[in-house]
PDB file of N, CA and C in Angstrom:
ATOM      1  N   MET A   1      -8.113  -4.209  -0.195  1.00  0.00           N
ATOM      2  CA  MET A   1      -8.930  -3.237   0.475  1.00  0.00           C
ATOM      3  C   MET A   1     -10.306  -3.036   0.038  1.00  0.00           C
ATOM      4  N   ASP A   2     -11.107  -2.591   1.019  1.00  0.00           N
ATOM      5  CA  ASP A   2     -12.118  -2.430   0.778  1.00  0.00           C
ATOM      6  C   ASP A   2     -12.642  -0.914   0.414  1.00  0.00           C
ATOM      7  N   PRO A   3     -13.164  -0.932  -0.820  1.00  0.00           N
ATOM      8  CA  PRO A   3     -13.136   0.819  -1.086  1.00  0.00           C
ATOM      9  C   PRO A   3     -14.350   1.240  -0.786  1.00  0.00           C
ATOM     10  N   LYS A   4     -15.272   0.537  -0.007  1.00  0.00           N
ATOM     11  CA  LYS A   4     -16.246   1.068   0.890  1.00  0.00           C
ATOM     12  C   LYS A   4     -15.949   1.696   2.469  1.00  0.00           C
ATOM     13  N   ASP A   5     -14.746   1.074   2.660  1.00  0.00           N
ATOM     14  CA  ASP A   5     -14.318   1.079   4.115  1.00  0.00           C
ATOM     15  C   ASP A   5     -13.488   2.770   4.064  1.00  0.00           C
ATOM     16  N   LEU A   6     -14.503   3.795   4.451  1.00  0.00           N
ATOM     17  CA  LEU A   6     -14.089   4.965   4.135  1.00  0.00           C
ATOM     18  C   LEU A   6     -12.746   5.769   5.011  1.00  0.00           C
ATOM     19  N   VAL A   7     -12.910   4.541   6.286  1.00  0.00           N
ATOM     20  CA  VAL A   7     -11.689   4.978   7.205  1.00  0.00           C
ATOM     21  C   VAL A   7     -10.425   4.890   6.451  1.00  0.00           C
ATOM     22  N   ALA A   8     -10.403   3.514   6.094  1.00  0.00           N
ATOM     23  CA  ALA A   8      -9.146   3.165   5.286  1.00  0.00           C
ATOM     24  C   ALA A   8      -8.821   3.582   4.107  1.00  0.00           C
ATOM     25  N   GLN A   9      -9.776   4.484   3.503  1.00  0.00           N
ATOM     26  CA  GLN A   9      -9.571   5.263   2.356  1.00  0.00           C
ATOM     27  C   GLN A   9      -8.920   6.600   2.713  1.00  0.00           C
ATOM     28  N   THR A  10      -9.330   7.092   3.712  1.00  0.00           N
ATOM     29  CA  THR A  10      -8.694   8.286   4.408  1.00  0.00           C
ATOM     30  C   THR A  10      -7.332   8.177   4.296  1.00  0.00           C
ATOM     31  N   ASN A  11      -7.172   7.147   5.242  1.00  0.00           N
ATOM     32  CA  ASN A  11      -5.710   6.777   5.197  1.00  0.00           C
ATOM     33  C   ASN A  11      -4.631   6.635   4.109  1.00  0.00           C
ATOM     34  N   ARG A  12      -5.463   5.746   3.136  1.00  0.00           N
ATOM     35  CA  ARG A  12      -4.986   5.786   1.705  1.00  0.00           C
ATOM     36  C   ARG A  12      -4.528   7.043   1.090  1.00  0.00           C
ATOM     37  N   ALA A  13      -5.519   7.849   0.949  1.00  0.00           N
ATOM     38  CA  ALA A  13      -5.509   8.881   0.445  1.00  0.00           C
ATOM     39  C   ALA A  13      -4.362  10.128   1.060  1.00  0.00           C
ATOM     40  N   HIS A  14      -4.195   9.970   2.513  1.00  0.00           N
ATOM     41  CA  HIS A  14      -3.572  10.786   2.991  1.00  0.00           C
ATOM     42  C   HIS A  14      -1.872  10.121   2.434  1.00  0.00           C
ATOM     43  N   ALA A  15      -1.771   8.727   3.026  1.00  0.00           N
ATOM     44  CA  ALA A  15      -0.423   8.223   2.420  1.00  0.00           C
ATOM     45  C   ALA A  15      -0.009   8.669   0.923  1.00  0.00           C
ATOM     46  N   LEU A  16      -0.891   8.531  -0.121  1.00  0.00           N
ATOM     47  CA  LEU A  16      -0.575   8.701  -1.477  1.00  0.00           C
ATOM     48  C   LEU A  16      -0.258  10.285  -1.203  1.00  0.00           C
ATOM     49  N   LEU A  17      -1.021  11.424  -0.668  1.00  0.00           N
ATOM     50  CA  LEU A  17      -0.639  12.546  -0.969  1.00  0.00           C
ATOM     51  C   LEU A  17       0.942  13.078  -0.376  1.00  0.00           C
ATOM     52  N   PHE A  18       1.033  11.975   0.720  1.00  0.00           N
ATOM     53  CA  PHE A  18       2.636  12.706   1.461  1.00  0.00           C
ATOM     54  C   PHE A  18       3.742  11.908   0.572  1.00  0.00           C
ATOM     55  N   LEU A  19       3.111  10.710  -0.555  1.00  0.00           N
ATOM     56  CA  LEU A  19       4.364   9.976  -1.243  1.00  0.00           C
ATOM     57  C   LEU A  19       4.299  10.876  -2.436  1.00  0.00           C
ATOM     58  N   GLY A  20       3.728  11.985  -2.469  1.00  0.00           N
ATOM     59  CA  GLY A  20       3.803  12.388  -3.911  1.00  0.00           C
ATOM     60  C   GLY A  20       2.581  12.394  -5.052  1.00  0.00           C
ATOM     61  N   ARG A  21       1.918  11.185  -4.647  1.00  0.00           N
ATOM     62  CA  ARG A  21       1.222  10.540  -5.682  1.00  0.00           C
ATOM     63  C   ARG A  21      -0.204  11.567  -5.686  1.00  0.00           C
ATOM     64  N   THR A  22      -0.225  12.733  -5.863  1.00  0.00           N
ATOM     65  CA  THR A  22      -1.026  13.715  -5.522  1.00  0.00           C
ATOM     66  C   THR A  22      -2.662  13.250  -6.647  1.00  0.00           C
ATOM     67  N   LYS A  23      -2.494  13.101  -7.827  1.00  0.00           N
ATOM     68  CA  LYS A  23      -3.607  12.963  -8.720  1.00  0.00           C
ATOM     69  C   LYS A  23      -4.458  11.578  -8.209  1.00  0.00           C
ATOM     70  N   GLU A  24      -3.980  10.570  -7.694  1.00  0.00           N
ATOM     71  CA  GLU A  24      -4.134   9.443  -6.895  1.00  0.00           C
ATOM     72  C   GLU A  24      -5.212   9.759  -5.675  1.00  0.00           C
ATOM     73  N   ALA A  25      -4.251  10.773  -4.969  1.00  0.00           N
ATOM     74  CA  ALA A  25      -5.078  11.149  -3.583  1.00  0.00           C
ATOM     75  C   ALA A  25      -6.077  11.983  -3.751  1.00  0.00           C
ATOM     76  N   GLU A  26      -6.005  12.789  -5.082  1.00  0.00           N
ATOM     77  CA  GLU A  26      -7.012  13.714  -5.161  1.00  0.00           C
ATOM     78  C   GLU A  26      -8.434  13.296  -5.386  1.00  0.00           C
ATOM     79  N   ALA A  27      -8.001  12.035  -6.539  1.00  0.00           N
ATOM     80  CA  ALA A  27      -8.993  11.259  -6.732  1.00  0.00           C
ATOM     81  C   ALA A  27      -9.870  10.606  -6.001  1.00  0.00           C
ATOM     82  N   ILE A  28      -9.432   9.881  -4.600  1.00  0.00           N
ATOM     83  CA  ILE A  28     -10.203   9.549  -3.690  1.00  0.00           C
ATOM     84  C   ILE A  28     -10.664  10.655  -2.575  1.00  0.00           C
ATOM     85  N   TYR A  29     -10.024  11.694  -2.457  1.00  0.00           N
ATOM     86  CA  TYR A  29     -10.406  12.928  -1.639  1.00  0.00           C
ATOM     87  C   TYR A  29     -12.160  13.210  -2.317  1.00  0.00           C
ATOM     88  N   LEU A  30     -11.963  13.810  -3.680  1.00  0.00           N
ATOM     89  CA  LEU A  30     -13.064  13.798  -4.335  1.00  0.00           C
ATOM     90  C   LEU A  30     -13.978  12.940  -4.770  1.00  0.00           C
ATOM     91  N   GLY A  31     -13.406  11.677  -4.728  1.00  0.00           N
ATOM     92  CA  GLY A  31     -14.562  10.592  -5.107  1.00  0.00           C
ATOM     93  C   GLY A  31     -15.554  10.004  -4.243  1.00  0.00           C
ATOM     94  N   HIS A  32     -15.135  10.552  -2.945  1.00  0.00           N
ATOM     95  CA  HIS A  32     -16.283  10.223  -1.745  1.00  0.00           C
ATOM     96  C   HIS A  32     -16.718  11.655  -1.337  1.00  0.00           C
ATOM     97  N   ARG A  33     -16.913  12.661  -2.137  1.00  0.00           N
ATOM     98  CA  ARG A  33     -17.675  13.795  -1.393  1.00  0.00           C
ATOM     99  C   ARG A  33     -19.116  13.464  -1.091  1.00  0.00           C
ATOM    100  N   GLY A  34     -19.573  13.705  -0.047  1.00  0.00           N
ATOM    101  CA  GLY A  34     -20.894  13.620   0.341  1.00  0.00           C
ATOM    102  C   GLY A  34     -21.406  12.843   1.268  1.00  0.00           C
ATOM    103  N   GLU A  35     -20.433  11.508   0.993  1.00  0.00           N
ATOM    104  CA  GLU A  35     -20.490  10.217   1.521  1.00  0.00           C
ATOM    105  C   GLU A  35     -20.365  10.150   3.241  1.00  0.00           C
ATOM    106  N   ASN A  36     -21.137   9.588   4.171  1.00  0.00           N
ATOM    107  CA  ASN A  36     -21.073   9.527   5.500  1.00  0.00           C
ATOM    108  C   ASN A  36     -19.690   8.703   5.519  1.00  0.00           C
ATOM    109  N   VAL A  37     -18.890   9.000   6.619  1.00  0.00           N
ATOM    110  CA  VAL A  37     -17.779   8.276   7.291  1.00  0.00           C
ATOM    111  C   VAL A  37     -18.010   7.047   7.718  1.00  0.00           C
ATOM    112  N   PHE A  38     -18.975   6.988   8.436  1.00  0.00           N
ATOM    113  CA  PHE A  38     -19.728   5.940   9.460  1.00  0.00           C
ATOM    114  C   PHE A  38     -20.998   5.539   9.153  1.00  0.00           C
ATOM    115  N   THR A  39     -21.448   4.609   9.215  1.00  0.00           N
ATOM    116  CA  THR A  39     -22.898   4.117   8.950  1.00  0.00           C
ATOM    117  C   THR A  39     -23.523   5.134  10.030  1.00  0.00           C
ATOM    118  N   ASN A  40     -23.146   5.154  11.400  1.00  0.00           N
ATOM    119  CA  ASN A  40     -24.132   5.487  12.519  1.00  0.00           C
ATOM    120  C   ASN A  40     -23.857   7.052  12.797  1.00  0.00           C
ATOM    121  N   SER A  41     -22.942   7.688  11.880  1.00  0.00           N
ATOM    122  CA  SER A  41     -22.557   9.311  11.904  1.00  0.00           C
ATOM    123  C   SER A  41     -23.295   9.836  10.732  1.00  0.00           C
ATOM    124  N   GLU A  42     -23.486  11.326  11.339  1.00  0.00           N
ATOM    125  CA  GLU A  42     -23.457  12.146  10.168  1.00  0.00           C
ATOM    126  C   GLU A  42     -22.284  13.002   9.559  1.00  0.00           C
ATOM    127  N   GLU A  43     -21.450  12.522  10.044  1.00  0.00           N
ATOM    128  CA  GLU A  43     -20.175  13.460   9.515  1.00  0.00           C
ATOM    129  C   GLU A  43     -20.036  12.879   8.359  1.00  0.00           C
ATOM    130  N   LYS A  44     -20.012  13.795   7.150  1.00  0.00           N
ATOM    131  CA  LYS A  44     -19.490  13.584   5.989  1.00  0.00           C
ATOM    132  C   LYS A  44     -18.184  13.499   5.691  1.00  0.00           C
ATOM    133  N   TRP A  45     -17.643  12.876   4.614  1.00  0.00           N
ATOM    134  CA  TRP A  45     -16.280  12.609   4.300  1.00  0.00           C
ATOM    135  C   TRP A  45     -15.283  14.165   4.336  1.00  0.00           C
ATOM    136  N   GLU A  46     -16.071  15.046   3.642  1.00  0.00           N
ATOM    137  CA  GLU A  46     -15.152  16.373   3.380  1.00  0.00           C
ATOM    138  C   GLU A  46     -15.039  17.025   4.690  1.00  0.00           C
ATOM    139  N   GLN A  47     -16.033  16.758   5.735  1.00  0.00           N
ATOM    140  CA  GLN A  47     -15.620  17.245   7.383  1.00  0.00           C
ATOM    141  C   GLN A  47     -14.548  16.592   7.877  1.00  0.00           C
ATOM    142  N   ALA A  48     -14.370  15.171   7.550  1.00  0.00           N
ATOM    143  CA  ALA A  48     -13.379  14.418   8.012  1.00  0.00           C
ATOM    144  C   ALA A  48     -12.281  14.582   7.685  1.00  0.00           C
ATOM    145  N   ILE A  49     -12.042  14.504   6.394  1.00  0.00           N
ATOM    146  CA  ILE A  49     -10.803  15.182   5.542  1.00  0.00           C
ATOM    147  C   ILE A  49     -10.079  16.649   6.185  1.00  0.00           C
ATOM    148  N   LEU A  50     -10.932  17.598   5.956  1.00  0.00           N
ATOM    149  CA  LEU A  50     -10.887  18.938   6.276  1.00  0.00           C
ATOM    150  C   LEU A  50     -10.054  18.723   8.086  1.00  0.00           C
ATOM    151  N   GLY A  51     -10.763  17.869   8.810  1.00  0.00           N
ATOM    152  CA  GLY A  51     -10.339  17.999   9.836  1.00  0.00           C
ATOM    153  C   GLY A  51      -9.047  17.084  10.214  1.00  0.00           C
ATOM    154  N   ASP A  52      -8.760  16.150   9.322  1.00  0.00           N
ATOM    155  CA  ASP A  52      -7.576  15.500   9.263  1.00  0.00           C
ATOM    156  C   ASP A  52      -6.522  16.325   8.907  1.00  0.00           C
ATOM    157  N   PHE A  53      -6.739  17.102   7.872  1.00  0.00           N
ATOM    158  CA  PHE A  53      -5.749  17.951   7.398  1.00  0.00           C
ATOM    159  C   PHE A  53      -5.224  18.833   8.641  1.00  0.00           C
ATOM    160  N   ASP A  54      -6.218  19.566   9.024  1.00  0.00           N
ATOM    161  CA  ASP A  54      -6.218  20.493  10.543  1.00  0.00           C
ATOM    162  C   ASP A  54      -5.079  19.661  11.534  1.00  0.00           C
ATOM    163  N   ASP A  55      -5.567  18.539  11.505  1.00  0.00           N
ATOM    164  CA  ASP A  55      -4.723  17.635  12.728  1.00  0.00           C
ATOM    165  C   ASP A  55      -3.353  17.678  12.242  1.00  0.00           C
ATOM    166  N   LEU A  56      -3.172  17.139  10.859  1.00  0.00           N
ATOM    167  CA  LEU A  56      -1.725  16.821  10.441  1.00  0.00           C
ATOM    168  C   LEU A  56      -0.945  17.807  10.289  1.00  0.00           C
ATOM    169  N   GLU A  57      -1.668  19.239   9.998  1.00  0.00           N
ATOM    170  CA  GLU A  57      -0.867  20.527   9.949  1.00  0.00           C
ATOM    171  C   GLU A  57      -0.341  20.714  11.569  1.00  0.00           C
ATOM    172  N   LYS A  58      -1.130  20.667  12.525  1.00  0.00           N
ATOM    173  CA  LYS A  58      -0.822  20.705  13.897  1.00  0.00           C
ATOM    174  C   LYS A  58       0.053  20.063  14.404  1.00  0.00           C
ATOM    175  N   ALA A  59       0.220  18.858  13.873  1.00  0.00           N
ATOM    176  CA  ALA A  59       1.229  17.922  14.347  1.00  0.00           C
ATOM    177  C   ALA A  59       2.626  18.021  13.259  1.00  0.00           C
ATOM    178  N   GLY A  60       2.606  19.117  12.562  1.00  0.00           N
ATOM    179  CA  GLY A  60       3.888  19.714  11.934  1.00  0.00           C
ATOM    180  C   GLY A  60       3.731  18.692  10.672  1.00  0.00           C
ATOM    181  N   LEU A  61       2.939  17.794  10.108  1.00  0.00           N
ATOM    182  CA  LEU A  61       2.899  17.414   8.841  1.00  0.00           C
ATOM    183  C   LEU A  61       2.233  18.186   7.597  1.00  0.00           C
ATOM    184  N   THR A  62       3.017  18.690   6.955  1.00  0.00           N
ATOM    185  CA  THR A  62       2.438  19.697   6.077  1.00  0.00           C
ATOM    186  C   THR A  62       2.700  18.943   4.547  1.00  0.00           C
ATOM    187  N   ASN A  63       2.137  19.687   3.564  1.00  0.00           N
ATOM    188  CA  ASN A  63       2.295  19.302   2.102  1.00  0.00           C
ATOM    189  C   ASN A  63       1.663  20.471   1.623  1.00  0.00           C
ATOM    190  N   PRO A  64       2.404  20.857   0.405  1.00  0.00           N
ATOM    191  CA  PRO A  64       1.773  22.038  -0.327  1.00  0.00           C
ATOM    192  C   PRO A  64       0.586  21.956  -0.876  1.00  0.00           C
ATOM    193  N   GLU A  65       0.160  20.451  -1.438  1.00  0.00           N
ATOM    194  CA  GLU A  65      -0.998  20.520  -1.927  1.00  0.00           C
ATOM    195  C   GLU A  65      -1.952  20.184  -0.968  1.00  0.00           C
ATOM    196  N   ILE A  66      -2.286  20.367   0.104  1.00  0.00           N
ATOM    197  CA  ILE A  66      -3.151  20.299   1.126  1.00  0.00           C
ATOM    198  C   ILE A  66      -4.050  21.445   1.046  1.00  0.00           C
ATOM    199  N   ALA A  67      -3.534  22.546   0.631  1.00  0.00           N
ATOM    200  CA  ALA A  67      -4.543  23.913   0.489  1.00  0.00           C
ATOM    201  C   ALA A  67      -4.994  24.000  -0.412  1.00  0.00           C
ATOM    202  N   ARG A  68      -4.536  23.345  -1.656  1.00  0.00           N
ATOM    203  CA  ARG A  68      -5.424  23.231  -2.881  1.00  0.00           C
ATOM    204  C   ARG A  68      -6.513  22.142  -2.856  1.00  0.00           C
ATOM    205  N   ILE A  69      -6.150  21.153  -2.117  1.00  0.00           N
ATOM    206  CA  ILE A  69      -7.126  19.931  -2.180  1.00  0.00           C
ATOM    207  C   ILE A  69      -8.141  20.666  -1.322  1.00  0.00           C
ATOM    208  N   ARG A  70      -7.968  20.909  -0.070  1.00  0.00           N
ATOM    209  CA  ARG A  70      -9.089  21.773   0.839  1.00  0.00           C
ATOM    210  C   ARG A  70      -9.889  22.690   0.087  1.00  0.00           C
ATOM    211  N   ALA A  71      -9.420  23.727  -0.717  1.00  0.00           N
ATOM    212  CA  ALA A  71     -10.359  24.454  -1.361  1.00  0.00           C
ATOM    213  C   ALA A  71     -11.056  23.695  -2.387  1.00  0.00           C
ATOM    214  N   LEU A  72     -10.721  22.621  -3.196  1.00  0.00           N
ATOM    215  CA  LEU A  72     -11.568  21.803  -3.824  1.00  0.00           C
ATOM    216  C   LEU A  72     -12.600  21.173  -3.171  1.00  0.00           C
ATOM    217  N   LEU A  73     -12.380  20.735  -2.008  1.00  0.00           N
ATOM    218  CA  LEU A  73     -13.503  19.980  -0.821  1.00  0.00           C
ATOM    219  C   LEU A  73     -14.447  20.980  -0.191  1.00  0.00           C
ATOM    220  N   LYS A  74     -13.991  22.150  -0.233  1.00  0.00           N
ATOM    221  CA  LYS A  74     -14.818  23.328   0.512  1.00  0.00           C
ATOM    222  C   LYS A  74     -15.795  24.114  -0.832  1.00  0.00           C
ATOM    223  N   ALA A  75     -15.543  23.582  -2.177  1.00  0.00           N
ATOM    224  CA  ALA A  75     -16.042  24.350  -3.449  1.00  0.00           C
ATOM    225  C   ALA A  75     -17.305  23.142  -3.406  1.00  0.00           C
ATOM    226  N   PRO A  76     -18.360  23.742  -4.260  1.00  0.00           N
ATOM    227  CA  PRO A  76     -19.510  22.947  -4.599  1.00  0.00           C
ATOM    228  C   PRO A  76     -19.210  21.812  -5.678  1.00  0.00           C
ATOM    229  N   ALA A  77     -19.589  20.688  -5.118  1.00  0.00           N
ATOM    230  CA  ALA A  77     -19.506  19.653  -6.210  1.00  0.00           C
ATOM    231  C   ALA A  77     -19.880  20.045  -7.475  1.00  0.00           C
ATOM    232  N   LYS A  78     -19.361  19.484  -8.484  1.00  0.00           N
ATOM    233  CA  LYS A  78     -19.500  19.837  -9.848  1.00  0.00           C
ATOM    234  C   LYS A  78     -20.564  18.533 -10.239  1.00  0.00           C
TER     235      LYS A  78
END
């Protein structure tokens, strides 16, 4: 998997999260902060992830870690 393919990385992070591999998912979620998801788009990684979390929850897919990771993504980067 190409680590620069952010669409694939979003899917990987979500899969890890739902498999209970939270630390691995968190590393991916936080590791791409500030990056553009697509080269021809201004959508930032964290915006895409937060939108995905909203969509997942609307579809009934929940995980208790989503709220914590959402807060981390909204916080200023260290």
